[in-house]
Amino acid sequence: CNGRREAHAPSHAYIRGLFPHSPVPVFRAGFHPNFCPWLRIKA
């Protein structure tokens, strides 16, 4: 089930993680690496 969730989860679900109350790691730019695929590609 977790494998399927990860495969089918929309990219915006990673802003807060799969669970809304789980802490999200903060990266160098201040964004989660999966925050926006367009920014990741452009960046």
PDB file of all heavy atoms in Angstrom:
ATOM      1  N   CYS A   1       0.831  -1.200   0.000  1.00  0.00           N
ATOM      2  CA  CYS A   1       0.000   0.000   0.000  1.00  0.00           C
ATOM      3  C   CYS A   1       0.871   1.257   0.000  1.00  0.00           C
ATOM      4  O   CYS A   1       0.593   2.205  -0.733  1.00  0.00           O
ATOM      5  CB  CYS A   1      -0.913  -0.016   1.218  1.00  0.00           C
ATOM      6  SG  CYS A   1      -2.067   1.359   1.287  1.00  0.00           S
ATOM      7  N   ASN A   2       1.930   1.251   0.829  1.00  0.00           N
ATOM      8  CA  ASN A   2       2.817   2.413   0.864  1.00  0.00           C
ATOM      9  C   ASN A   2       3.510   2.611  -0.475  1.00  0.00           C
ATOM     10  O   ASN A   2       3.694   3.749  -0.923  1.00  0.00           O
ATOM     11  CB  ASN A   2       3.858   2.257   1.980  1.00  0.00           C
ATOM     12  CG  ASN A   2       3.256   2.491   3.343  1.00  0.00           C
ATOM     13  OD1 ASN A   2       2.195   3.099   3.461  1.00  0.00           O
ATOM     14  ND2 ASN A   2       3.913   1.985   4.369  1.00  0.00           N
ATOM     15  N   GLY A   3       3.898   1.517  -1.137  1.00  0.00           N
ATOM     16  CA  GLY A   3       4.516   1.623  -2.458  1.00  0.00           C
ATOM     17  C   GLY A   3       3.565   2.231  -3.468  1.00  0.00           C
ATOM     18  O   GLY A   3       3.944   3.092  -4.274  1.00  0.00           O
ATOM     19  N   ARG A   4       2.327   1.832  -3.439  1.00  0.00           N
ATOM     20  CA  ARG A   4       1.335   2.382  -4.374  1.00  0.00           C
ATOM     21  C   ARG A   4       1.028   3.843  -4.048  1.00  0.00           C
ATOM     22  O   ARG A   4       0.845   4.655  -4.945  1.00  0.00           O
ATOM     23  CB  ARG A   4       0.062   1.560  -4.332  1.00  0.00           C
ATOM     24  CG  ARG A   4       0.235   0.235  -5.017  1.00  0.00           C
ATOM     25  CD  ARG A   4      -1.060  -0.475  -5.184  1.00  0.00           C
ATOM     26  NE  ARG A   4      -0.848  -1.736  -5.877  1.00  0.00           N
ATOM     27  CZ  ARG A   4      -1.777  -2.634  -6.027  1.00  0.00           C
ATOM     28  NH1 ARG A   4      -2.983  -2.407  -5.560  1.00  0.00           N
ATOM     29  NH2 ARG A   4      -1.520  -3.747  -6.655  1.00  0.00           N
ATOM     30  N   ARG A   5       0.978   4.185  -2.770  1.00  0.00           N
ATOM     31  CA  ARG A   5       0.730   5.583  -2.395  1.00  0.00           C
ATOM     32  C   ARG A   5       1.848   6.473  -2.908  1.00  0.00           C
ATOM     33  O   ARG A   5       1.590   7.554  -3.421  1.00  0.00           O
ATOM     34  CB  ARG A   5       0.635   5.723  -0.869  1.00  0.00           C
ATOM     35  CG  ARG A   5      -0.682   5.387  -0.295  1.00  0.00           C
ATOM     36  CD  ARG A   5      -0.705   5.712   1.170  1.00  0.00           C
ATOM     37  NE  ARG A   5      -1.960   5.284   1.777  1.00  0.00           N
ATOM     38  CZ  ARG A   5      -2.131   5.097   3.040  1.00  0.00           C
ATOM     39  NH1 ARG A   5      -1.132   5.308   3.878  1.00  0.00           N
ATOM     40  NH2 ARG A   5      -3.288   4.710   3.510  1.00  0.00           N
ATOM     41  N   GLU A   6       3.061   6.006  -2.726  1.00  0.00           N
ATOM     42  CA  GLU A   6       4.199   6.808  -3.193  1.00  0.00           C
ATOM     43  C   GLU A   6       4.183   6.949  -4.702  1.00  0.00           C
ATOM     44  O   GLU A   6       4.491   8.016  -5.233  1.00  0.00           O
ATOM     45  CB  GLU A   6       5.514   6.185  -2.718  1.00  0.00           C
ATOM     46  CG  GLU A   6       5.732   6.327  -1.231  1.00  0.00           C
ATOM     47  CD  GLU A   6       6.972   5.587  -0.763  1.00  0.00           C
ATOM     48  OE1 GLU A   6       7.708   5.043  -1.614  1.00  0.00           O
ATOM     49  OE2 GLU A   6       7.200   5.547   0.454  1.00  0.00           O
ATOM     50  N   ALA A   7       3.800   5.894  -5.400  1.00  0.00           N
ATOM     51  CA  ALA A   7       3.780   5.938  -6.864  1.00  0.00           C
ATOM     52  C   ALA A   7       2.653   6.821  -7.381  1.00  0.00           C
ATOM     53  O   ALA A   7       2.815   7.504  -8.391  1.00  0.00           O
ATOM     54  CB  ALA A   7       3.641   4.532  -7.423  1.00  0.00           C
ATOM     55  N   HIS A   8       1.531   6.841  -6.725  1.00  0.00           N
ATOM     56  CA  HIS A   8       0.361   7.581  -7.206  1.00  0.00           C
ATOM     57  C   HIS A   8       0.121   8.886  -6.476  1.00  0.00           C
ATOM     58  O   HIS A   8      -0.830   9.591  -6.786  1.00  0.00           O
ATOM     59  CB  HIS A   8      -0.897   6.717  -7.082  1.00  0.00           C
ATOM     60  CG  HIS A   8      -0.854   5.504  -7.940  1.00  0.00           C
ATOM     61  ND1 HIS A   8      -0.852   5.558  -9.310  1.00  0.00           N
ATOM     62  CD2 HIS A   8      -0.789   4.187  -7.618  1.00  0.00           C
ATOM     63  CE1 HIS A   8      -0.797   4.340  -9.797  1.00  0.00           C
ATOM     64  NE2 HIS A   8      -0.755   3.472  -8.779  1.00  0.00           N
ATOM     65  N   ALA A   9       0.935   9.215  -5.509  1.00  0.00           N
ATOM     66  CA  ALA A   9       0.715  10.425  -4.736  1.00  0.00           C
ATOM     67  C   ALA A   9       1.028  11.657  -5.596  1.00  0.00           C
ATOM     68  O   ALA A   9       2.007  11.683  -6.319  1.00  0.00           O
ATOM     69  CB  ALA A   9       1.594  10.434  -3.499  1.00  0.00           C
ATOM     70  N   PRO A  10       0.188  12.679  -5.540  1.00  0.00           N
ATOM     71  CA  PRO A  10       0.492  13.909  -6.285  1.00  0.00           C
ATOM     72  C   PRO A  10       1.694  14.603  -5.652  1.00  0.00           C
ATOM     73  O   PRO A  10       1.978  14.452  -4.479  1.00  0.00           O
ATOM     74  CB  PRO A  10      -0.783  14.737  -6.130  1.00  0.00           C
ATOM     75  CG  PRO A  10      -1.468  14.190  -4.917  1.00  0.00           C
ATOM     76  CD  PRO A  10      -1.067  12.767  -4.829  1.00  0.00           C
ATOM     77  N   SER A  11       2.379  15.366  -6.484  1.00  0.00           N
ATOM     78  CA  SER A  11       3.613  15.992  -6.012  1.00  0.00           C
ATOM     79  C   SER A  11       3.341  17.015  -4.907  1.00  0.00           C
ATOM     80  O   SER A  11       4.190  17.239  -4.065  1.00  0.00           O
ATOM     81  CB  SER A  11       4.335  16.669  -7.171  1.00  0.00           C
ATOM     82  OG  SER A  11       3.483  17.638  -7.758  1.00  0.00           O
ATOM     83  N   HIS A  12       2.188  17.644  -4.895  1.00  0.00           N
ATOM     84  CA  HIS A  12       1.916  18.623  -3.860  1.00  0.00           C
ATOM     85  C   HIS A  12       1.675  17.959  -2.499  1.00  0.00           C
ATOM     86  O   HIS A  12       1.661  18.638  -1.482  1.00  0.00           O
ATOM     87  CB  HIS A  12       0.715  19.513  -4.255  1.00  0.00           C
ATOM     88  CG  HIS A  12      -0.577  18.774  -4.263  1.00  0.00           C
ATOM     89  ND1 HIS A  12      -1.009  18.083  -5.370  1.00  0.00           N
ATOM     90  CD2 HIS A  12      -1.527  18.618  -3.311  1.00  0.00           C
ATOM     91  CE1 HIS A  12      -2.170  17.530  -5.112  1.00  0.00           C
ATOM     92  NE2 HIS A  12      -2.507  17.840  -3.856  1.00  0.00           N
ATOM     93  N   ALA A  13       1.503  16.632  -2.456  1.00  0.00           N
ATOM     94  CA  ALA A  13       1.303  15.940  -1.187  1.00  0.00           C
ATOM     95  C   ALA A  13       2.582  15.951  -0.355  1.00  0.00           C
ATOM     96  O   ALA A  13       2.545  15.749   0.844  1.00  0.00           O
ATOM     97  CB  ALA A  13       0.861  14.509  -1.422  1.00  0.00           C
ATOM     98  N   TYR A  14       3.703  16.209  -0.999  1.00  0.00           N
ATOM     99  CA  TYR A  14       4.968  16.202  -0.283  1.00  0.00           C
ATOM    100  C   TYR A  14       5.256  17.508   0.431  1.00  0.00           C
ATOM    101  O   TYR A  14       6.245  17.629   1.119  1.00  0.00           O
ATOM    102  CB  TYR A  14       6.119  15.867  -1.237  1.00  0.00           C
ATOM    103  CG  TYR A  14       6.064  14.440  -1.695  1.00  0.00           C
ATOM    104  CD1 TYR A  14       5.652  14.112  -2.973  1.00  0.00           C
ATOM    105  CD2 TYR A  14       6.385  13.413  -0.816  1.00  0.00           C
ATOM    106  CE1 TYR A  14       5.598  12.808  -3.381  1.00  0.00           C
ATOM    107  CE2 TYR A  14       6.327  12.096  -1.219  1.00  0.00           C
ATOM    108  CZ  TYR A  14       5.940  11.796  -2.518  1.00  0.00           C
ATOM    109  OH  TYR A  14       5.887  10.506  -2.903  1.00  0.00           O
ATOM    110  N   ILE A  15       4.403  18.508   0.259  1.00  0.00           N
ATOM    111  CA  ILE A  15       4.602  19.756   0.986  1.00  0.00           C
ATOM    112  C   ILE A  15       4.514  19.479   2.479  1.00  0.00           C
ATOM    113  O   ILE A  15       5.355  19.896   3.252  1.00  0.00           O
ATOM    114  CB  ILE A  15       3.544  20.820   0.568  1.00  0.00           C
ATOM    115  CG1 ILE A  15       3.766  21.205  -0.874  1.00  0.00           C
ATOM    116  CG2 ILE A  15       3.622  22.020   1.493  1.00  0.00           C
ATOM    117  CD1 ILE A  15       2.692  22.122  -1.405  1.00  0.00           C
ATOM    118  N   ARG A  16       3.504  18.787   2.856  1.00  0.00           N
ATOM    119  CA  ARG A  16       3.324  18.427   4.259  1.00  0.00           C
ATOM    120  C   ARG A  16       3.605  16.946   4.494  1.00  0.00           C
ATOM    121  O   ARG A  16       3.353  16.452   5.566  1.00  0.00           O
ATOM    122  CB  ARG A  16       1.890  18.713   4.692  1.00  0.00           C
ATOM    123  CG  ARG A  16       1.565  20.157   4.740  1.00  0.00           C
ATOM    124  CD  ARG A  16       1.777  20.626   6.136  1.00  0.00           C
ATOM    125  NE  ARG A  16       1.304  21.978   6.253  1.00  0.00           N
ATOM    126  CZ  ARG A  16       1.863  22.846   6.999  1.00  0.00           C
ATOM    127  NH1 ARG A  16       2.914  22.535   7.698  1.00  0.00           N
ATOM    128  NH2 ARG A  16       1.385  24.045   7.096  1.00  0.00           N
ATOM    129  N   GLY A  17       4.065  16.255   3.519  1.00  0.00           N
ATOM    130  CA  GLY A  17       4.309  14.833   3.654  1.00  0.00           C
ATOM    131  C   GLY A  17       2.998  14.074   3.473  1.00  0.00           C
ATOM    132  O   GLY A  17       1.962  14.650   3.192  1.00  0.00           O
ATOM    133  N   LEU A  18       3.038  12.776   3.596  1.00  0.00           N
ATOM    134  CA  LEU A  18       1.830  11.988   3.432  1.00  0.00           C
ATOM    135  C   LEU A  18       0.855  12.233   4.586  1.00  0.00           C
ATOM    136  O   LEU A  18      -0.340  12.104   4.437  1.00  0.00           O
ATOM    137  CB  LEU A  18       2.167  10.491   3.377  1.00  0.00           C
ATOM    138  CG  LEU A  18       2.870  10.047   2.108  1.00  0.00           C
ATOM    139  CD1 LEU A  18       3.250   8.575   2.218  1.00  0.00           C
ATOM    140  CD2 LEU A  18       1.983  10.246   0.899  1.00  0.00           C
ATOM    141  N   PHE A  19       1.395  12.592   5.706  1.00  0.00           N
ATOM    142  CA  PHE A  19       0.548  12.819   6.872  1.00  0.00           C
ATOM    143  C   PHE A  19       0.633  14.294   7.242  1.00  0.00           C
ATOM    144  O   PHE A  19       1.719  14.845   7.381  1.00  0.00           O
ATOM    145  CB  PHE A  19       1.021  11.942   8.028  1.00  0.00           C
ATOM    146  CG  PHE A  19       1.032  10.493   7.664  1.00  0.00           C
ATOM    147  CD1 PHE A  19       2.208   9.857   7.319  1.00  0.00           C
ATOM    148  CD2 PHE A  19      -0.155   9.768   7.623  1.00  0.00           C
ATOM    149  CE1 PHE A  19       2.221   8.532   6.958  1.00  0.00           C
ATOM    150  CE2 PHE A  19      -0.145   8.439   7.272  1.00  0.00           C
ATOM    151  CZ  PHE A  19       1.031   7.815   6.931  1.00  0.00           C
ATOM    152  N   PRO A  20      -0.490  14.972   7.410  1.00  0.00           N
ATOM    153  CA  PRO A  20      -0.499  16.423   7.609  1.00  0.00           C
ATOM    154  C   PRO A  20       0.207  16.875   8.880  1.00  0.00           C
ATOM    155  O   PRO A  20       0.685  17.991   8.938  1.00  0.00           O
ATOM    156  CB  PRO A  20      -1.975  16.782   7.640  1.00  0.00           C
ATOM    157  CG  PRO A  20      -2.701  15.523   7.919  1.00  0.00           C
ATOM    158  CD  PRO A  20      -1.846  14.407   7.415  1.00  0.00           C
ATOM    159  N   HIS A  21       0.304  16.063   9.874  1.00  0.00           N
ATOM    160  CA  HIS A  21       0.914  16.490  11.126  1.00  0.00           C
ATOM    161  C   HIS A  21       2.358  16.057  11.256  1.00  0.00           C
ATOM    162  O   HIS A  21       2.979  16.276  12.278  1.00  0.00           O
ATOM    163  CB  HIS A  21       0.103  15.947  12.314  1.00  0.00           C
ATOM    164  CG  HIS A  21      -1.299  16.475  12.330  1.00  0.00           C
ATOM    165  ND1 HIS A  21      -1.607  17.783  12.572  1.00  0.00           N
ATOM    166  CD2 HIS A  21      -2.484  15.850  12.092  1.00  0.00           C
ATOM    167  CE1 HIS A  21      -2.913  17.953  12.503  1.00  0.00           C
ATOM    168  NE2 HIS A  21      -3.467  16.795  12.205  1.00  0.00           N
ATOM    169  N   SER A  22       2.896  15.436  10.238  1.00  0.00           N
ATOM    170  CA  SER A  22       4.298  15.013  10.329  1.00  0.00           C
ATOM    171  C   SER A  22       5.200  16.198   9.987  1.00  0.00           C
ATOM    172  O   SER A  22       4.856  17.035   9.170  1.00  0.00           O
ATOM    173  CB  SER A  22       4.562  13.854   9.373  1.00  0.00           C
ATOM    174  OG  SER A  22       4.428  14.280   8.045  1.00  0.00           O
ATOM    175  N   PRO A  23       6.357  16.290  10.630  1.00  0.00           N
ATOM    176  CA  PRO A  23       7.261  17.402  10.337  1.00  0.00           C
ATOM    177  C   PRO A  23       7.878  17.240   8.945  1.00  0.00           C
ATOM    178  O   PRO A  23       8.145  16.141   8.494  1.00  0.00           O
ATOM    179  CB  PRO A  23       8.331  17.304  11.410  1.00  0.00           C
ATOM    180  CG  PRO A  23       8.265  15.894  11.887  1.00  0.00           C
ATOM    181  CD  PRO A  23       6.867  15.427  11.665  1.00  0.00           C
ATOM    182  N   VAL A  24       8.049  18.362   8.270  1.00  0.00           N
ATOM    183  CA  VAL A  24       8.621  18.359   6.916  1.00  0.00           C
ATOM    184  C   VAL A  24      10.052  18.863   7.011  1.00  0.00           C
ATOM    185  O   VAL A  24      10.303  19.903   7.616  1.00  0.00           O
ATOM    186  CB  VAL A  24       7.802  19.283   5.980  1.00  0.00           C
ATOM    187  CG1 VAL A  24       8.409  19.333   4.604  1.00  0.00           C
ATOM    188  CG2 VAL A  24       6.366  18.822   5.941  1.00  0.00           C
ATOM    189  N   PRO A  25      11.006  18.148   6.455  1.00  0.00           N
ATOM    190  CA  PRO A  25      12.385  18.630   6.498  1.00  0.00           C
ATOM    191  C   PRO A  25      12.549  19.902   5.674  1.00  0.00           C
ATOM    192  O   PRO A  25      11.947  20.043   4.621  1.00  0.00           O
ATOM    193  CB  PRO A  25      13.194  17.467   5.915  1.00  0.00           C
ATOM    194  CG  PRO A  25      12.233  16.661   5.129  1.00  0.00           C
ATOM    195  CD  PRO A  25      10.902  16.863   5.750  1.00  0.00           C
ATOM    196  N   VAL A  26      13.331  20.801   6.178  1.00  0.00           N
ATOM    197  CA  VAL A  26      13.577  22.060   5.465  1.00  0.00           C
ATOM    198  C   VAL A  26      14.920  21.954   4.773  1.00  0.00           C
ATOM    199  O   VAL A  26      15.917  21.588   5.379  1.00  0.00           O
ATOM    200  CB  VAL A  26      13.581  23.249   6.457  1.00  0.00           C
ATOM    201  CG1 VAL A  26      13.883  24.546   5.736  1.00  0.00           C
ATOM    202  CG2 VAL A  26      12.248  23.321   7.169  1.00  0.00           C
ATOM    203  N   PHE A  27      14.965  22.273   3.482  1.00  0.00           N
ATOM    204  CA  PHE A  27      16.188  22.155   2.697  1.00  0.00           C
ATOM    205  C   PHE A  27      16.828  23.518   2.503  1.00  0.00           C
ATOM    206  O   PHE A  27      16.283  24.543   2.914  1.00  0.00           O
ATOM    207  CB  PHE A  27      15.871  21.485   1.356  1.00  0.00           C
ATOM    208  CG  PHE A  27      15.449  20.055   1.540  1.00  0.00           C
ATOM    209  CD1 PHE A  27      14.114  19.721   1.666  1.00  0.00           C
ATOM    210  CD2 PHE A  27      16.392  19.052   1.629  1.00  0.00           C
ATOM    211  CE1 PHE A  27      13.731  18.421   1.845  1.00  0.00           C
ATOM    212  CE2 PHE A  27      16.008  17.748   1.807  1.00  0.00           C
ATOM    213  CZ  PHE A  27      14.671  17.422   1.909  1.00  0.00           C
ATOM    214  N   ARG A  28      17.972  23.549   1.806  1.00  0.00           N
ATOM    215  CA  ARG A  28      18.756  24.780   1.661  1.00  0.00           C
ATOM    216  C   ARG A  28      17.957  25.925   1.079  1.00  0.00           C
ATOM    217  O   ARG A  28      18.032  27.037   1.550  1.00  0.00           O
ATOM    218  CB  ARG A  28      19.959  24.533   0.733  1.00  0.00           C
ATOM    219  CG  ARG A  28      21.035  23.748   1.391  1.00  0.00           C
ATOM    220  CD  ARG A  28      22.215  23.638   0.486  1.00  0.00           C
ATOM    221  NE  ARG A  28      21.864  22.746  -0.625  1.00  0.00           N
ATOM    222  CZ  ARG A  28      22.601  22.541  -1.688  1.00  0.00           C
ATOM    223  NH1 ARG A  28      23.751  23.160  -1.818  1.00  0.00           N
ATOM    224  NH2 ARG A  28      22.224  21.724  -2.629  1.00  0.00           N
ATOM    225  N   ALA A  29      17.186  25.686   0.103  1.00  0.00           N
ATOM    226  CA  ALA A  29      16.455  26.778  -0.537  1.00  0.00           C
ATOM    227  C   ALA A  29      15.183  27.104   0.215  1.00  0.00           C
ATOM    228  O   ALA A  29      14.491  28.045  -0.124  1.00  0.00           O
ATOM    229  CB  ALA A  29      16.117  26.408  -1.970  1.00  0.00           C
ATOM    230  N   GLY A  30      14.867  26.295   1.231  1.00  0.00           N
ATOM    231  CA  GLY A  30      13.652  26.558   1.973  1.00  0.00           C
ATOM    232  C   GLY A  30      12.468  25.823   1.411  1.00  0.00           C
ATOM    233  O   GLY A  30      11.377  25.952   1.920  1.00  0.00           O
ATOM    234  N   PHE A  31      12.678  25.115   0.296  1.00  0.00           N
ATOM    235  CA  PHE A  31      11.586  24.351  -0.307  1.00  0.00           C
ATOM    236  C   PHE A  31      11.876  22.868  -0.209  1.00  0.00           C
ATOM    237  O   PHE A  31      13.025  22.453  -0.214  1.00  0.00           O
ATOM    238  CB  PHE A  31      11.438  24.693  -1.800  1.00  0.00           C
ATOM    239  CG  PHE A  31      11.005  26.092  -2.017  1.00  0.00           C
ATOM    240  CD1 PHE A  31      11.877  27.018  -2.555  1.00  0.00           C
ATOM    241  CD2 PHE A  31       9.721  26.504  -1.697  1.00  0.00           C
ATOM    242  CE1 PHE A  31      11.481  28.315  -2.765  1.00  0.00           C
ATOM    243  CE2 PHE A  31       9.328  27.794  -1.908  1.00  0.00           C
ATOM    244  CZ  PHE A  31      10.201  28.712  -2.440  1.00  0.00           C
ATOM    245  N   HIS A  32      10.842  22.135  -0.162  1.00  0.00           N
ATOM    246  CA  HIS A  32      10.976  20.678  -0.214  1.00  0.00           C
ATOM    247  C   HIS A  32      11.397  20.324  -1.627  1.00  0.00           C
ATOM    248  O   HIS A  32      10.945  20.960  -2.580  1.00  0.00           O
ATOM    249  CB  HIS A  32       9.630  20.040   0.151  1.00  0.00           C
ATOM    250  CG  HIS A  32       9.744  18.566   0.375  1.00  0.00           C
ATOM    251  ND1 HIS A  32       9.718  17.683  -0.644  1.00  0.00           N
ATOM    252  CD2 HIS A  32       9.892  17.841   1.516  1.00  0.00           C
ATOM    253  CE1 HIS A  32       9.833  16.456  -0.161  1.00  0.00           C
ATOM    254  NE2 HIS A  32       9.939  16.532   1.162  1.00  0.00           N
ATOM    255  N   PRO A  33      12.262  19.327  -1.833  1.00  0.00           N
ATOM    256  CA  PRO A  33      12.741  19.046  -3.181  1.00  0.00           C
ATOM    257  C   PRO A  33      11.632  18.654  -4.144  1.00  0.00           C
ATOM    258  O   PRO A  33      11.769  18.839  -5.345  1.00  0.00           O
ATOM    259  CB  PRO A  33      13.723  17.901  -2.995  1.00  0.00           C
ATOM    260  CG  PRO A  33      13.532  17.389  -1.636  1.00  0.00           C
ATOM    261  CD  PRO A  33      12.861  18.450  -0.859  1.00  0.00           C
ATOM    262  N   ASN A  34      10.534  18.131  -3.652  1.00  0.00           N
ATOM    263  CA  ASN A  34       9.441  17.757  -4.552  1.00  0.00           C
ATOM    264  C   ASN A  34       8.339  18.805  -4.578  1.00  0.00           C
ATOM    265  O   ASN A  34       7.245  18.532  -5.015  1.00  0.00           O
ATOM    266  CB  ASN A  34       8.850  16.415  -4.108  1.00  0.00           C
ATOM    267  CG  ASN A  34       9.827  15.302  -4.260  1.00  0.00           C
ATOM    268  OD1 ASN A  34      10.685  15.350  -5.137  1.00  0.00           O
ATOM    269  ND2 ASN A  34       9.716  14.296  -3.418  1.00  0.00           N
ATOM    270  N   PHE A  35       8.670  19.995  -4.085  1.00  0.00           N
ATOM    271  CA  PHE A  35       7.651  21.036  -3.996  1.00  0.00           C
ATOM    272  C   PHE A  35       7.064  21.340  -5.365  1.00  0.00           C
ATOM    273  O   PHE A  35       5.870  21.352  -5.539  1.00  0.00           O
ATOM    274  CB  PHE A  35       8.250  22.293  -3.366  1.00  0.00           C
ATOM    275  CG  PHE A  35       7.310  23.459  -3.375  1.00  0.00           C
ATOM    276  CD1 PHE A  35       6.173  23.442  -2.578  1.00  0.00           C
ATOM    277  CD2 PHE A  35       7.544  24.555  -4.168  1.00  0.00           C
ATOM    278  CE1 PHE A  35       5.319  24.509  -2.582  1.00  0.00           C
ATOM    279  CE2 PHE A  35       6.677  25.614  -4.183  1.00  0.00           C
ATOM    280  CZ  PHE A  35       5.556  25.600  -3.379  1.00  0.00           C
ATOM    281  N   CYS A  36       7.917  21.548  -6.291  1.00  0.00           N
ATOM    282  CA  CYS A  36       7.431  21.859  -7.634  1.00  0.00           C
ATOM    283  C   CYS A  36       8.412  21.262  -8.643  1.00  0.00           C
ATOM    284  O   CYS A  36       9.564  21.680  -8.696  1.00  0.00           O
ATOM    285  CB  CYS A  36       7.333  23.361  -7.815  1.00  0.00           C
ATOM    286  SG  CYS A  36       6.729  23.820  -9.452  1.00  0.00           S
ATOM    287  N   PRO A  37       7.942  20.297  -9.406  1.00  0.00           N
ATOM    288  CA  PRO A  37       8.868  19.695 -10.377  1.00  0.00           C
ATOM    289  C   PRO A  37       9.418  20.732 -11.368  1.00  0.00           C
ATOM    290  O   PRO A  37      10.550  20.643 -11.810  1.00  0.00           O
ATOM    291  CB  PRO A  37       8.023  18.650 -11.086  1.00  0.00           C
ATOM    292  CG  PRO A  37       6.742  18.539 -10.349  1.00  0.00           C
ATOM    293  CD  PRO A  37       6.647  19.705  -9.431  1.00  0.00           C
ATOM    294  N   TRP A  38       8.656  21.769 -11.725  1.00  0.00           N
ATOM    295  CA  TRP A  38       9.096  22.773 -12.682  1.00  0.00           C
ATOM    296  C   TRP A  38      10.294  23.528 -12.122  1.00  0.00           C
ATOM    297  O   TRP A  38      11.275  23.735 -12.816  1.00  0.00           O
ATOM    298  CB  TRP A  38       7.928  23.727 -12.977  1.00  0.00           C
ATOM    299  CG  TRP A  38       8.276  24.777 -13.978  1.00  0.00           C
ATOM    300  CD1 TRP A  38       8.345  24.635 -15.313  1.00  0.00           C
ATOM    301  CD2 TRP A  38       8.618  26.109 -13.679  1.00  0.00           C
ATOM    302  NE1 TRP A  38       8.705  25.784 -15.902  1.00  0.00           N
ATOM    303  CE2 TRP A  38       8.884  26.729 -14.898  1.00  0.00           C
ATOM    304  CE3 TRP A  38       8.742  26.864 -12.513  1.00  0.00           C
ATOM    305  CZ2 TRP A  38       9.260  28.058 -14.995  1.00  0.00           C
ATOM    306  CZ3 TRP A  38       9.096  28.174 -12.647  1.00  0.00           C
ATOM    307  CH2 TRP A  38       9.353  28.749 -13.871  1.00  0.00           C
ATOM    308  N   LEU A  39      10.206  23.911 -10.801  1.00  0.00           N
ATOM    309  CA  LEU A  39      11.320  24.601 -10.178  1.00  0.00           C
ATOM    310  C   LEU A  39      12.538  23.696 -10.078  1.00  0.00           C
ATOM    311  O   LEU A  39      13.663  24.139 -10.243  1.00  0.00           O
ATOM    312  CB  LEU A  39      10.949  25.100  -8.786  1.00  0.00           C
ATOM    313  CG  LEU A  39      10.035  26.307  -8.733  1.00  0.00           C
ATOM    314  CD1 LEU A  39       9.697  26.625  -7.285  1.00  0.00           C
ATOM    315  CD2 LEU A  39      10.726  27.504  -9.373  1.00  0.00           C
ATOM    316  N   ARG A  40      12.292  22.435  -9.804  1.00  0.00           N
ATOM    317  CA  ARG A  40      13.409  21.523  -9.662  1.00  0.00           C
ATOM    318  C   ARG A  40      14.130  21.379 -11.002  1.00  0.00           C
ATOM    319  O   ARG A  40      15.338  21.396 -11.067  1.00  0.00           O
ATOM    320  CB  ARG A  40      12.898  20.161  -9.183  1.00  0.00           C
ATOM    321  CG  ARG A  40      13.991  19.275  -8.722  1.00  0.00           C
ATOM    322  CD  ARG A  40      13.485  18.045  -8.027  1.00  0.00           C
ATOM    323  NE  ARG A  40      12.136  17.716  -8.338  1.00  0.00           N
ATOM    324  CZ  ARG A  40      11.684  16.527  -8.706  1.00  0.00           C
ATOM    325  NH1 ARG A  40      12.502  15.525  -8.732  1.00  0.00           N
ATOM    326  NH2 ARG A  40      10.436  16.323  -8.984  1.00  0.00           N
ATOM    327  N   ILE A  41      13.368  21.272 -12.062  1.00  0.00           N
ATOM    328  CA  ILE A  41      13.988  21.140 -13.386  1.00  0.00           C
ATOM    329  C   ILE A  41      14.699  22.435 -13.745  1.00  0.00           C
ATOM    330  O   ILE A  41      15.831  22.437 -14.190  1.00  0.00           O
ATOM    331  CB  ILE A  41      12.947  20.781 -14.454  1.00  0.00           C
ATOM    332  CG1 ILE A  41      12.412  19.376 -14.169  1.00  0.00           C
ATOM    333  CG2 ILE A  41      13.538  20.869 -15.835  1.00  0.00           C
ATOM    334  CD1 ILE A  41      11.232  18.989 -15.015  1.00  0.00           C
ATOM    335  N   LYS A  42      14.035  23.576 -13.536  1.00  0.00           N
ATOM    336  CA  LYS A  42      14.614  24.854 -13.885  1.00  0.00           C
ATOM    337  C   LYS A  42      15.806  25.164 -13.005  1.00  0.00           C
ATOM    338  O   LYS A  42      16.710  25.855 -13.428  1.00  0.00           O
ATOM    339  CB  LYS A  42      13.573  25.953 -13.724  1.00  0.00           C
ATOM    340  CG  LYS A  42      12.463  25.867 -14.690  1.00  0.00           C
ATOM    341  CD  LYS A  42      12.422  27.129 -15.440  1.00  0.00           C
ATOM    342  CE  LYS A  42      11.322  27.039 -16.462  1.00  0.00           C
ATOM    343  NZ  LYS A  42      11.487  27.962 -17.483  1.00  0.00           N
ATOM    344  N   ALA A  43      15.772  24.681 -11.754  1.00  0.00           N
ATOM    345  CA  ALA A  43      16.826  25.035 -10.826  1.00  0.00           C
ATOM    346  C   ALA A  43      18.017  24.109 -10.926  1.00  0.00           C
ATOM    347  O   ALA A  43      19.012  24.328 -10.284  1.00  0.00           O
ATOM    348  CB  ALA A  43      16.289  25.019  -9.406  1.00  0.00           C
TER     349      ALA A  43
END
